[in-house]
């Protein structure tokens, strides 16, 4: 397993992380014995970063991960997330503190390694408050997170890089965060590459460059675009139903259709299959610290670790990708 420094922190994290979310479903809907066996195997493979959130299974992911960690007592890092709602806007600092206490209770931990904002960010706050403004984040959220760091309740702080691109740039450029979770995959490479006008996905405007300039650790999310980059629409029984795309096409079916075009890498012999291509793609970016994947089975975990161990895609493989990006159809 390759290890990379997580931005300006002193953490060395595995290039492959363990996503505990709803899409894969293993940490929420599998049997307790399966969860423990999967985490134990992940640790054997060298994975040392586990990512959850209060919203995953309405807290069930945190509870289940905490139970597994209590049993295994691993030397590994845990990141979780909080989301502010409209009623929280009158007391953002208090809401963040309450969210942390609730997460720590579910995890059965005294502190967490990484605590991350899970709201979208816009230039202005939206009416339903799922989207915070840049000012909300820089003047209220980040100072509160820094206080929690000083109190020893969290080690580092970050955010999920979703929302309006100019707002995301502003928050990252402000330099107050240790990490950012970035949508970066074959379907939408715009966080790392320039895409042509009209490209059928949100343009993140080379967000990785902004993160690297501030030494903000990048955690790649949606590396398989909620499994659309498997190239098939069928889903595992414990996986979620086909979710609404984040940062990519108009719907899941459109993402699957575009994903099939990246089979050119397998046809050229660069990779075994499309999933391997998708997993190895973000490793070529020096700004990337770890790539998160949500699992449904132990076999998914084994294949992901095997793929990541092969390292970044070759320059020849990367050059072939531009032909699809320049004309996505």
C-alpha atoms as a PDB file:
ATOM      1  CA  UNK A   1       0.000   0.000   0.000  1.00  0.00           C
ATOM      2  CA  UNK A   2       1.239   3.441  -0.929  1.00  0.00           C
ATOM      3  CA  UNK A   3       0.995   6.153   1.743  1.00  0.00           C
ATOM      4  CA  UNK A   4       0.731   9.880   1.162  1.00  0.00           C
ATOM      5  CA  UNK A   5       0.892  12.865   3.497  1.00  0.00           C
ATOM      6  CA  UNK A   6      -2.542  14.370   4.059  1.00  0.00           C
ATOM      7  CA  UNK A   7      -1.883  17.970   3.040  1.00  0.00           C
ATOM      8  CA  UNK A   8      -0.289  20.078   5.755  1.00  0.00           C
ATOM      9  CA  UNK A   9      -1.174  17.574   8.482  1.00  0.00           C
ATOM     10  CA  UNK A  10       1.323  15.087   9.842  1.00  0.00           C
ATOM     11  CA  UNK A  11      -0.895  12.124   8.915  1.00  0.00           C
ATOM     12  CA  UNK A  12       0.331   9.539   6.418  1.00  0.00           C
ATOM     13  CA  UNK A  13      -2.775   7.996   4.913  1.00  0.00           C
ATOM     14  CA  UNK A  14      -3.217   5.004   2.645  1.00  0.00           C
ATOM     15  CA  UNK A  15      -3.771   5.791  -1.026  1.00  0.00           C
ATOM     16  CA  UNK A  16      -6.972   3.743  -0.758  1.00  0.00           C
ATOM     17  CA  UNK A  17      -9.456   4.679   1.943  1.00  0.00           C
ATOM     18  CA  UNK A  18     -12.483   2.884   3.356  1.00  0.00           C
ATOM     19  CA  UNK A  19     -15.768   4.682   2.675  1.00  0.00           C
ATOM     20  CA  UNK A  20     -18.506   3.831   5.160  1.00  0.00           C
ATOM     21  CA  UNK A  21     -21.376   5.472   3.297  1.00  0.00           C
ATOM     22  CA  UNK A  22     -24.727   4.467   1.910  1.00  0.00           C
ATOM     23  CA  UNK A  23     -23.790   3.776  -1.713  1.00  0.00           C
ATOM     24  CA  UNK A  24     -21.768   0.616  -1.036  1.00  0.00           C
ATOM     25  CA  UNK A  25     -23.743  -0.151   2.076  1.00  0.00           C
ATOM     26  CA  UNK A  26     -21.357  -2.604   3.747  1.00  0.00           C
ATOM     27  CA  UNK A  27     -20.918  -0.580   6.934  1.00  0.00           C
ATOM     28  CA  UNK A  28     -24.669   0.079   7.191  1.00  0.00           C
ATOM     29  CA  UNK A  29     -26.597  -2.930   5.921  1.00  0.00           C
ATOM     30  CA  UNK A  30     -24.281  -5.948   6.181  1.00  0.00           C
ATOM     31  CA  UNK A  31     -24.154  -8.376   9.101  1.00  0.00           C
ATOM     32  CA  UNK A  32     -21.917  -7.444  12.071  1.00  0.00           C
ATOM     33  CA  UNK A  33     -19.544 -10.334  11.354  1.00  0.00           C
ATOM     34  CA  UNK A  34     -19.166  -9.184   7.735  1.00  0.00           C
ATOM     35  CA  UNK A  35     -18.403  -5.619   8.820  1.00  0.00           C
ATOM     36  CA  UNK A  36     -15.729  -6.748  11.240  1.00  0.00           C
ATOM     37  CA  UNK A  37     -14.206  -9.141   8.720  1.00  0.00           C
ATOM     38  CA  UNK A  38     -14.071  -6.419   6.045  1.00  0.00           C
ATOM     39  CA  UNK A  39     -12.434  -3.847   8.317  1.00  0.00           C
ATOM     40  CA  UNK A  40      -9.946  -6.433   9.574  1.00  0.00           C
ATOM     41  CA  UNK A  41      -9.030  -7.320   5.995  1.00  0.00           C
ATOM     42  CA  UNK A  42      -8.746  -3.640   5.062  1.00  0.00           C
ATOM     43  CA  UNK A  43      -6.269  -3.181   7.888  1.00  0.00           C
ATOM     44  CA  UNK A  44      -4.277  -6.198   6.682  1.00  0.00           C
ATOM     45  CA  UNK A  45      -4.158  -4.626   3.225  1.00  0.00           C
ATOM     46  CA  UNK A  46      -2.709  -1.448   4.730  1.00  0.00           C
ATOM     47  CA  UNK A  47      -5.791   0.792   4.674  1.00  0.00           C
ATOM     48  CA  UNK A  48      -5.602   3.239   7.569  1.00  0.00           C
ATOM     49  CA  UNK A  49      -8.255   5.885   6.792  1.00  0.00           C
ATOM     50  CA  UNK A  50     -11.971   5.235   7.432  1.00  0.00           C
ATOM     51  CA  UNK A  51     -14.534   7.858   6.444  1.00  0.00           C
ATOM     52  CA  UNK A  52     -18.077   8.090   7.801  1.00  0.00           C
ATOM     53  CA  UNK A  53     -20.719  10.752   8.511  1.00  0.00           C
ATOM     54  CA  UNK A  54     -23.656  11.394  10.812  1.00  0.00           C
ATOM     55  CA  UNK A  55     -25.936  11.285   7.758  1.00  0.00           C
ATOM     56  CA  UNK A  56     -24.887   7.793   6.641  1.00  0.00           C
ATOM     57  CA  UNK A  57     -27.754   5.550   7.688  1.00  0.00           C
ATOM     58  CA  UNK A  58     -28.951   8.242  10.137  1.00  0.00           C
ATOM     59  CA  UNK A  59     -25.969   7.591  12.366  1.00  0.00           C
ATOM     60  CA  UNK A  60     -25.870   3.821  11.864  1.00  0.00           C
ATOM     61  CA  UNK A  61     -22.564   3.947   9.990  1.00  0.00           C
ATOM     62  CA  UNK A  62     -20.878   5.761  12.881  1.00  0.00           C
ATOM     63  CA  UNK A  63     -22.324   3.303  15.412  1.00  0.00           C
ATOM     64  CA  UNK A  64     -21.251   0.274  13.409  1.00  0.00           C
ATOM     65  CA  UNK A  65     -17.775   1.620  12.725  1.00  0.00           C
ATOM     66  CA  UNK A  66     -17.354   2.428  16.406  1.00  0.00           C
ATOM     67  CA  UNK A  67     -18.326  -1.109  17.368  1.00  0.00           C
ATOM     68  CA  UNK A  68     -15.830  -2.609  14.932  1.00  0.00           C
ATOM     69  CA  UNK A  69     -13.052  -0.312  16.104  1.00  0.00           C
ATOM     70  CA  UNK A  70     -13.796  -1.173  19.726  1.00  0.00           C
ATOM     71  CA  UNK A  71     -13.410  -4.859  18.878  1.00  0.00           C
ATOM     72  CA  UNK A  72     -10.313  -4.561  16.680  1.00  0.00           C
ATOM     73  CA  UNK A  73      -8.579  -1.576  18.348  1.00  0.00           C
ATOM     74  CA  UNK A  74      -6.778  -0.628  15.115  1.00  0.00           C
ATOM     75  CA  UNK A  75      -4.067   1.974  14.661  1.00  0.00           C
ATOM     76  CA  UNK A  76      -6.078   3.839  12.053  1.00  0.00           C
ATOM     77  CA  UNK A  77      -7.632   7.249  11.397  1.00  0.00           C
ATOM     78  CA  UNK A  78     -11.334   8.090  11.406  1.00  0.00           C
ATOM     79  CA  UNK A  79     -12.993  11.033   9.694  1.00  0.00           C
ATOM     80  CA  UNK A  80     -16.637  11.942  10.132  1.00  0.00           C
ATOM     81  CA  UNK A  81     -18.876  14.781   8.981  1.00  0.00           C
ATOM     82  CA  UNK A  82     -21.645  17.088  10.158  1.00  0.00           C
ATOM     83  CA  UNK A  83     -24.387  18.846   8.231  1.00  0.00           C
ATOM     84  CA  UNK A  84     -26.033  22.058   9.404  1.00  0.00           C
ATOM     85  CA  UNK A  85     -29.760  22.584   8.849  1.00  0.00           C
ATOM     86  CA  UNK A  86     -31.920  25.712   8.734  1.00  0.00           C
ATOM     87  CA  UNK A  87     -32.595  25.807  12.501  1.00  0.00           C
ATOM     88  CA  UNK A  88     -28.836  25.643  13.129  1.00  0.00           C
ATOM     89  CA  UNK A  89     -28.243  28.980  11.412  1.00  0.00           C
ATOM     90  CA  UNK A  90     -29.047  30.949  14.567  1.00  0.00           C
ATOM     91  CA  UNK A  91     -26.241  29.190  16.453  1.00  0.00           C
ATOM     92  CA  UNK A  92     -23.756  27.674  14.041  1.00  0.00           C
ATOM     93  CA  UNK A  93     -21.004  27.222  16.626  1.00  0.00           C
ATOM     94  CA  UNK A  94     -23.332  25.540  19.104  1.00  0.00           C
ATOM     95  CA  UNK A  95     -24.735  23.268  16.399  1.00  0.00           C
ATOM     96  CA  UNK A  96     -21.247  22.130  15.382  1.00  0.00           C
ATOM     97  CA  UNK A  97     -20.341  21.368  18.990  1.00  0.00           C
ATOM     98  CA  UNK A  98     -23.542  19.396  19.479  1.00  0.00           C
ATOM     99  CA  UNK A  99     -22.980  17.492  16.253  1.00  0.00           C
ATOM    100  CA  UNK A 100     -19.478  16.518  17.343  1.00  0.00           C
ATOM    101  CA  UNK A 101     -20.646  15.300  20.737  1.00  0.00           C
ATOM    102  CA  UNK A 102     -23.341  13.191  19.069  1.00  0.00           C
ATOM    103  CA  UNK A 103     -20.850  11.698  16.604  1.00  0.00           C
ATOM    104  CA  UNK A 104     -18.334  10.909  19.349  1.00  0.00           C
ATOM    105  CA  UNK A 105     -21.057   9.169  21.324  1.00  0.00           C
ATOM    106  CA  UNK A 106     -22.081   7.033  18.348  1.00  0.00           C
ATOM    107  CA  UNK A 107     -18.453   6.236  17.529  1.00  0.00           C
ATOM    108  CA  UNK A 108     -17.712   5.583  21.223  1.00  0.00           C
ATOM    109  CA  UNK A 109     -14.554   7.707  20.899  1.00  0.00           C
ATOM    110  CA  UNK A 110     -13.111  10.583  22.895  1.00  0.00           C
ATOM    111  CA  UNK A 111     -11.914  12.457  19.817  1.00  0.00           C
ATOM    112  CA  UNK A 112     -11.947  12.113  16.044  1.00  0.00           C
ATOM    113  CA  UNK A 113      -9.008  12.548  13.669  1.00  0.00           C
ATOM    114  CA  UNK A 114     -10.906  14.554  11.047  1.00  0.00           C
ATOM    115  CA  UNK A 115     -14.171  16.499  11.394  1.00  0.00           C
ATOM    116  CA  UNK A 116     -15.640  17.796   8.141  1.00  0.00           C
ATOM    117  CA  UNK A 117     -18.410  20.135   7.027  1.00  0.00           C
ATOM    118  CA  UNK A 118     -20.910  18.169   4.929  1.00  0.00           C
ATOM    119  CA  UNK A 119     -22.970  21.075   3.524  1.00  0.00           C
ATOM    120  CA  UNK A 120     -22.653  22.497   0.055  1.00  0.00           C
ATOM    121  CA  UNK A 121     -21.059  25.941  -0.163  1.00  0.00           C
ATOM    122  CA  UNK A 122     -22.247  28.841  -2.316  1.00  0.00           C
ATOM    123  CA  UNK A 123     -21.437  32.497  -2.716  1.00  0.00           C
ATOM    124  CA  UNK A 124     -24.683  33.153  -0.820  1.00  0.00           C
ATOM    125  CA  UNK A 125     -26.577  30.988   1.663  1.00  0.00           C
ATOM    126  CA  UNK A 126     -29.540  29.166   0.123  1.00  0.00           C
ATOM    127  CA  UNK A 127     -33.048  29.415   1.545  1.00  0.00           C
ATOM    128  CA  UNK A 128     -33.071  25.858   2.885  1.00  0.00           C
ATOM    129  CA  UNK A 129     -29.564  26.308   4.392  1.00  0.00           C
ATOM    130  CA  UNK A 130     -28.214  23.069   2.931  1.00  0.00           C
ATOM    131  CA  UNK A 131     -25.933  25.478   1.079  1.00  0.00           C
ATOM    132  CA  UNK A 132     -23.885  27.690   3.375  1.00  0.00           C
ATOM    133  CA  UNK A 133     -22.319  30.920   2.192  1.00  0.00           C
ATOM    134  CA  UNK A 134     -18.596  31.516   1.945  1.00  0.00           C
ATOM    135  CA  UNK A 135     -18.943  33.940   4.859  1.00  0.00           C
ATOM    136  CA  UNK A 136     -20.729  31.301   6.945  1.00  0.00           C
ATOM    137  CA  UNK A 137     -17.841  28.933   6.426  1.00  0.00           C
ATOM    138  CA  UNK A 138     -14.894  31.295   6.791  1.00  0.00           C
ATOM    139  CA  UNK A 139     -16.247  33.407   9.649  1.00  0.00           C
ATOM    140  CA  UNK A 140     -18.214  30.858  11.699  1.00  0.00           C
ATOM    141  CA  UNK A 141     -17.609  27.226  10.734  1.00  0.00           C
ATOM    142  CA  UNK A 142     -13.818  27.299  10.423  1.00  0.00           C
ATOM    143  CA  UNK A 143     -13.194  29.317  13.632  1.00  0.00           C
ATOM    144  CA  UNK A 144     -15.412  26.862  15.535  1.00  0.00           C
ATOM    145  CA  UNK A 145     -13.497  23.912  14.122  1.00  0.00           C
ATOM    146  CA  UNK A 146     -10.197  25.537  15.099  1.00  0.00           C
ATOM    147  CA  UNK A 147     -11.484  25.934  18.655  1.00  0.00           C
ATOM    148  CA  UNK A 148     -12.363  22.234  18.721  1.00  0.00           C
ATOM    149  CA  UNK A 149      -8.817  21.474  17.573  1.00  0.00           C
ATOM    150  CA  UNK A 150      -7.404  23.583  20.393  1.00  0.00           C
ATOM    151  CA  UNK A 151      -9.635  21.717  22.856  1.00  0.00           C
ATOM    152  CA  UNK A 152      -8.277  18.383  21.619  1.00  0.00           C
ATOM    153  CA  UNK A 153     -11.683  17.069  20.540  1.00  0.00           C
ATOM    154  CA  UNK A 154     -10.641  16.831  16.882  1.00  0.00           C
ATOM    155  CA  UNK A 155      -7.203  16.590  15.343  1.00  0.00           C
ATOM    156  CA  UNK A 156      -7.893  18.179  11.956  1.00  0.00           C
ATOM    157  CA  UNK A 157     -10.786  19.795  10.084  1.00  0.00           C
ATOM    158  CA  UNK A 158     -12.065  19.786   6.544  1.00  0.00           C
ATOM    159  CA  UNK A 159     -15.039  20.057   4.219  1.00  0.00           C
ATOM    160  CA  UNK A 160     -16.801  18.261   1.398  1.00  0.00           C
ATOM    161  CA  UNK A 161     -16.029  20.201  -1.763  1.00  0.00           C
ATOM    162  CA  UNK A 162     -19.548  20.410  -3.147  1.00  0.00           C
ATOM    163  CA  UNK A 163     -21.487  23.492  -4.185  1.00  0.00           C
ATOM    164  CA  UNK A 164     -20.701  26.439  -6.430  1.00  0.00           C
ATOM    165  CA  UNK A 165     -17.234  26.344  -7.954  1.00  0.00           C
ATOM    166  CA  UNK A 166     -16.279  30.002  -7.254  1.00  0.00           C
ATOM    167  CA  UNK A 167     -17.356  29.586  -3.626  1.00  0.00           C
ATOM    168  CA  UNK A 168     -15.327  26.401  -3.232  1.00  0.00           C
ATOM    169  CA  UNK A 169     -12.280  28.195  -4.609  1.00  0.00           C
ATOM    170  CA  UNK A 170     -12.765  31.070  -2.173  1.00  0.00           C
ATOM    171  CA  UNK A 171     -13.027  28.810   0.859  1.00  0.00           C
ATOM    172  CA  UNK A 172     -10.006  26.710  -0.102  1.00  0.00           C
ATOM    173  CA  UNK A 173      -7.955  29.795  -0.994  1.00  0.00           C
ATOM    174  CA  UNK A 174      -8.660  31.176   2.502  1.00  0.00           C
ATOM    175  CA  UNK A 175      -6.422  28.397   3.808  1.00  0.00           C
ATOM    176  CA  UNK A 176      -8.208  27.574   7.064  1.00  0.00           C
ATOM    177  CA  UNK A 177      -8.985  23.934   6.329  1.00  0.00           C
ATOM    178  CA  UNK A 178      -6.740  20.886   6.550  1.00  0.00           C
ATOM    179  CA  UNK A 179      -8.628  18.768   3.999  1.00  0.00           C
ATOM    180  CA  UNK A 180     -11.222  18.866   1.237  1.00  0.00           C
ATOM    181  CA  UNK A 181     -13.189  16.001  -0.287  1.00  0.00           C
ATOM    182  CA  UNK A 182     -13.216  16.402  -4.067  1.00  0.00           C
ATOM    183  CA  UNK A 183     -15.321  14.789  -6.802  1.00  0.00           C
ATOM    184  CA  UNK A 184     -12.635  13.678  -9.237  1.00  0.00           C
ATOM    185  CA  UNK A 185     -13.215  10.811 -11.628  1.00  0.00           C
ATOM    186  CA  UNK A 186     -13.129   9.728 -15.257  1.00  0.00           C
ATOM    187  CA  UNK A 187     -16.585  11.160 -15.886  1.00  0.00           C
ATOM    188  CA  UNK A 188     -15.655  14.534 -14.431  1.00  0.00           C
ATOM    189  CA  UNK A 189     -11.920  15.294 -14.410  1.00  0.00           C
ATOM    190  CA  UNK A 190     -12.446  19.074 -14.126  1.00  0.00           C
ATOM    191  CA  UNK A 191     -10.946  19.281 -10.626  1.00  0.00           C
ATOM    192  CA  UNK A 192      -7.625  18.374 -12.229  1.00  0.00           C
ATOM    193  CA  UNK A 193      -7.974  19.061 -15.970  1.00  0.00           C
ATOM    194  CA  UNK A 194      -9.507  21.789 -18.077  1.00  0.00           C
ATOM    195  CA  UNK A 195     -12.656  20.560 -19.812  1.00  0.00           C
ATOM    196  CA  UNK A 196     -14.206  22.022 -22.969  1.00  0.00           C
ATOM    197  CA  UNK A 197     -17.129  24.473 -22.804  1.00  0.00           C
ATOM    198  CA  UNK A 198     -20.436  22.662 -22.479  1.00  0.00           C
ATOM    199  CA  UNK A 199     -18.894  19.569 -20.900  1.00  0.00           C
ATOM    200  CA  UNK A 200     -21.815  17.577 -19.371  1.00  0.00           C
ATOM    201  CA  UNK A 201     -20.778  17.968 -15.735  1.00  0.00           C
ATOM    202  CA  UNK A 202     -20.026  20.677 -13.208  1.00  0.00           C
ATOM    203  CA  UNK A 203     -16.738  22.411 -13.959  1.00  0.00           C
ATOM    204  CA  UNK A 204     -14.730  22.452 -10.716  1.00  0.00           C
ATOM    205  CA  UNK A 205     -12.132  24.727 -12.298  1.00  0.00           C
ATOM    206  CA  UNK A 206      -8.973  22.761 -11.407  1.00  0.00           C
ATOM    207  CA  UNK A 207      -9.882  22.715  -7.712  1.00  0.00           C
ATOM    208  CA  UNK A 208      -6.903  20.442  -7.030  1.00  0.00           C
ATOM    209  CA  UNK A 209      -4.538  23.309  -7.892  1.00  0.00           C
ATOM    210  CA  UNK A 210      -6.218  25.533  -5.308  1.00  0.00           C
ATOM    211  CA  UNK A 211      -5.958  22.797  -2.674  1.00  0.00           C
ATOM    212  CA  UNK A 212      -2.313  22.116  -3.438  1.00  0.00           C
ATOM    213  CA  UNK A 213      -1.439  25.807  -3.264  1.00  0.00           C
ATOM    214  CA  UNK A 214      -2.764  25.882   0.312  1.00  0.00           C
ATOM    215  CA  UNK A 215      -1.345  22.431   1.193  1.00  0.00           C
ATOM    216  CA  UNK A 216      -4.901  21.248   1.771  1.00  0.00           C
ATOM    217  CA  UNK A 217      -5.125  17.469   1.768  1.00  0.00           C
ATOM    218  CA  UNK A 218      -7.346  16.077  -0.998  1.00  0.00           C
ATOM    219  CA  UNK A 219      -9.627  13.125  -0.312  1.00  0.00           C
ATOM    220  CA  UNK A 220     -11.124  11.912  -3.587  1.00  0.00           C
ATOM    221  CA  UNK A 221     -14.811  10.995  -3.460  1.00  0.00           C
ATOM    222  CA  UNK A 222     -17.154   9.570  -6.083  1.00  0.00           C
ATOM    223  CA  UNK A 223     -14.213   7.830  -7.760  1.00  0.00           C
ATOM    224  CA  UNK A 224     -16.661   5.356  -9.333  1.00  0.00           C
ATOM    225  CA  UNK A 225     -19.447   7.965  -9.618  1.00  0.00           C
ATOM    226  CA  UNK A 226     -21.642   5.883  -7.293  1.00  0.00           C
ATOM    227  CA  UNK A 227     -20.645   2.785  -9.322  1.00  0.00           C
ATOM    228  CA  UNK A 228     -21.653   4.215 -12.700  1.00  0.00           C
ATOM    229  CA  UNK A 229     -18.003   3.681 -13.658  1.00  0.00           C
ATOM    230  CA  UNK A 230     -18.528  -0.048 -13.423  1.00  0.00           C
ATOM    231  CA  UNK A 231     -20.183   0.446 -16.803  1.00  0.00           C
ATOM    232  CA  UNK A 232     -23.338  -1.472 -15.839  1.00  0.00           C
ATOM    233  CA  UNK A 233     -26.576  -0.352 -14.178  1.00  0.00           C
ATOM    234  CA  UNK A 234     -27.122  -3.445 -12.013  1.00  0.00           C
ATOM    235  CA  UNK A 235     -26.316  -2.950  -8.339  1.00  0.00           C
ATOM    236  CA  UNK A 236     -25.390  -5.208  -5.441  1.00  0.00           C
ATOM    237  CA  UNK A 237     -28.311  -6.153  -3.135  1.00  0.00           C
ATOM    238  CA  UNK A 238     -26.925  -4.232  -0.131  1.00  0.00           C
ATOM    239  CA  UNK A 239     -25.884  -1.207  -2.192  1.00  0.00           C
ATOM    240  CA  UNK A 240     -28.159   1.809  -2.369  1.00  0.00           C
ATOM    241  CA  UNK A 241     -30.502   2.257  -5.284  1.00  0.00           C
ATOM    242  CA  UNK A 242     -29.079   4.273  -8.161  1.00  0.00           C
ATOM    243  CA  UNK A 243     -28.395   7.691  -6.608  1.00  0.00           C
ATOM    244  CA  UNK A 244     -28.662  11.124  -8.133  1.00  0.00           C
ATOM    245  CA  UNK A 245     -25.291  11.958  -9.719  1.00  0.00           C
ATOM    246  CA  UNK A 246     -23.043  14.425  -7.927  1.00  0.00           C
ATOM    247  CA  UNK A 247     -20.929  16.615 -10.193  1.00  0.00           C
ATOM    248  CA  UNK A 248     -21.412  14.418 -13.259  1.00  0.00           C
ATOM    249  CA  UNK A 249     -24.221  13.753 -15.758  1.00  0.00           C
ATOM    250  CA  UNK A 250     -27.963  14.476 -15.620  1.00  0.00           C
ATOM    251  CA  UNK A 251     -28.847  10.998 -14.348  1.00  0.00           C
ATOM    252  CA  UNK A 252     -27.306   7.659 -13.420  1.00  0.00           C
ATOM    253  CA  UNK A 253     -28.119   6.049 -16.770  1.00  0.00           C
ATOM    254  CA  UNK A 254     -26.331   8.820 -18.655  1.00  0.00           C
ATOM    255  CA  UNK A 255     -23.280   8.359 -16.423  1.00  0.00           C
ATOM    256  CA  UNK A 256     -23.222   4.614 -17.128  1.00  0.00           C
ATOM    257  CA  UNK A 257     -23.499   5.235 -20.865  1.00  0.00           C
ATOM    258  CA  UNK A 258     -20.588   7.688 -20.891  1.00  0.00           C
ATOM    259  CA  UNK A 259     -18.555   5.420 -18.614  1.00  0.00           C
ATOM    260  CA  UNK A 260     -18.555   2.679 -21.227  1.00  0.00           C
ATOM    261  CA  UNK A 261     -16.474   4.873 -23.534  1.00  0.00           C
ATOM    262  CA  UNK A 262     -13.557   4.640 -21.126  1.00  0.00           C
ATOM    263  CA  UNK A 263     -13.295   0.918 -21.878  1.00  0.00           C
ATOM    264  CA  UNK A 264     -10.764   2.044 -24.490  1.00  0.00           C
ATOM    265  CA  UNK A 265      -8.142   1.728 -21.753  1.00  0.00           C
ATOM    266  CA  UNK A 266      -8.922  -1.948 -21.231  1.00  0.00           C
ATOM    267  CA  UNK A 267      -9.109  -2.557 -24.967  1.00  0.00           C
ATOM    268  CA  UNK A 268      -5.637  -1.027 -25.319  1.00  0.00           C
ATOM    269  CA  UNK A 269      -4.287  -3.242 -22.530  1.00  0.00           C
ATOM    270  CA  UNK A 270      -3.590  -0.438 -20.040  1.00  0.00           C
ATOM    271  CA  UNK A 271      -5.905  -1.904 -17.396  1.00  0.00           C
ATOM    272  CA  UNK A 272      -7.828  -5.083 -16.648  1.00  0.00           C
ATOM    273  CA  UNK A 273     -11.223  -3.411 -16.732  1.00  0.00           C
ATOM    274  CA  UNK A 274     -13.101  -0.135 -16.359  1.00  0.00           C
ATOM    275  CA  UNK A 275     -13.219  -0.227 -12.553  1.00  0.00           C
ATOM    276  CA  UNK A 276      -9.445  -0.550 -12.357  1.00  0.00           C
ATOM    277  CA  UNK A 277      -9.062   2.399 -14.732  1.00  0.00           C
ATOM    278  CA  UNK A 278     -11.381   4.524 -12.593  1.00  0.00           C
ATOM    279  CA  UNK A 279      -9.586   3.685  -9.351  1.00  0.00           C
ATOM    280  CA  UNK A 280      -6.092   4.341 -10.699  1.00  0.00           C
ATOM    281  CA  UNK A 281      -6.961   7.562 -12.541  1.00  0.00           C
ATOM    282  CA  UNK A 282      -6.825  10.009  -9.570  1.00  0.00           C
ATOM    283  CA  UNK A 283      -3.536   8.585  -8.271  1.00  0.00           C
ATOM    284  CA  UNK A 284      -1.614  10.485 -10.953  1.00  0.00           C
ATOM    285  CA  UNK A 285      -2.495  13.834  -9.330  1.00  0.00           C
ATOM    286  CA  UNK A 286       0.161  14.878  -6.813  1.00  0.00           C
ATOM    287  CA  UNK A 287      -2.449  16.831  -4.822  1.00  0.00           C
ATOM    288  CA  UNK A 288      -4.410  13.649  -4.056  1.00  0.00           C
ATOM    289  CA  UNK A 289      -3.760  12.039  -0.684  1.00  0.00           C
ATOM    290  CA  UNK A 290      -6.297   9.213  -0.603  1.00  0.00           C
ATOM    291  CA  UNK A 291      -9.089   7.787  -2.747  1.00  0.00           C
ATOM    292  CA  UNK A 292     -12.294   6.790  -0.974  1.00  0.00           C
ATOM    293  CA  UNK A 293     -14.382   3.872  -2.130  1.00  0.00           C
ATOM    294  CA  UNK A 294     -17.549   2.458  -0.626  1.00  0.00           C
ATOM    295  CA  UNK A 295     -17.781  -1.337  -0.603  1.00  0.00           C
ATOM    296  CA  UNK A 296     -20.616  -3.855  -0.750  1.00  0.00           C
ATOM    297  CA  UNK A 297     -18.518  -7.013  -0.451  1.00  0.00           C
ATOM    298  CA  UNK A 298     -15.105  -8.207   0.640  1.00  0.00           C
ATOM    299  CA  UNK A 299     -14.402  -8.981  -3.017  1.00  0.00           C
ATOM    300  CA  UNK A 300     -14.892  -5.292  -3.889  1.00  0.00           C
ATOM    301  CA  UNK A 301     -12.302  -4.410  -1.253  1.00  0.00           C
ATOM    302  CA  UNK A 302      -9.793  -6.971  -2.508  1.00  0.00           C
ATOM    303  CA  UNK A 303     -10.093  -5.819  -6.110  1.00  0.00           C
ATOM    304  CA  UNK A 304      -9.776  -2.152  -5.166  1.00  0.00           C
ATOM    305  CA  UNK A 305      -6.601  -2.782  -3.152  1.00  0.00           C
ATOM    306  CA  UNK A 306      -5.162  -4.844  -6.005  1.00  0.00           C
ATOM    307  CA  UNK A 307      -5.918  -2.049  -8.476  1.00  0.00           C
ATOM    308  CA  UNK A 308      -4.518   0.747  -6.312  1.00  0.00           C
ATOM    309  CA  UNK A 309      -1.330  -1.276  -5.774  1.00  0.00           C
ATOM    310  CA  UNK A 310      -0.640  -0.985  -9.516  1.00  0.00           C
ATOM    311  CA  UNK A 311      -0.198   2.772  -9.086  1.00  0.00           C
ATOM    312  CA  UNK A 312      -1.245   5.658 -11.344  1.00  0.00           C
ATOM    313  CA  UNK A 313      -2.277   5.175 -14.948  1.00  0.00           C
ATOM    314  CA  UNK A 314       0.572   5.426 -17.444  1.00  0.00           C
ATOM    315  CA  UNK A 315       1.112   8.641 -19.444  1.00  0.00           C
ATOM    316  CA  UNK A 316      -0.055   6.779 -22.566  1.00  0.00           C
ATOM    317  CA  UNK A 317      -3.286   5.785 -20.841  1.00  0.00           C
ATOM    318  CA  UNK A 318      -3.882   9.326 -19.603  1.00  0.00           C
ATOM    319  CA  UNK A 319      -3.363  10.711 -23.107  1.00  0.00           C
ATOM    320  CA  UNK A 320      -6.094   8.423 -24.435  1.00  0.00           C
ATOM    321  CA  UNK A 321      -8.585   9.832 -21.947  1.00  0.00           C
ATOM    322  CA  UNK A 322      -8.432  13.262 -23.547  1.00  0.00           C
ATOM    323  CA  UNK A 323     -10.109  11.895 -26.674  1.00  0.00           C
ATOM    324  CA  UNK A 324     -13.251  11.113 -24.656  1.00  0.00           C
ATOM    325  CA  UNK A 325     -13.142  14.305 -22.605  1.00  0.00           C
ATOM    326  CA  UNK A 326     -12.801  16.465 -25.720  1.00  0.00           C
ATOM    327  CA  UNK A 327     -15.924  14.914 -27.267  1.00  0.00           C
ATOM    328  CA  UNK A 328     -18.080  13.278 -24.561  1.00  0.00           C
ATOM    329  CA  UNK A 329     -21.065  13.035 -26.913  1.00  0.00           C
END
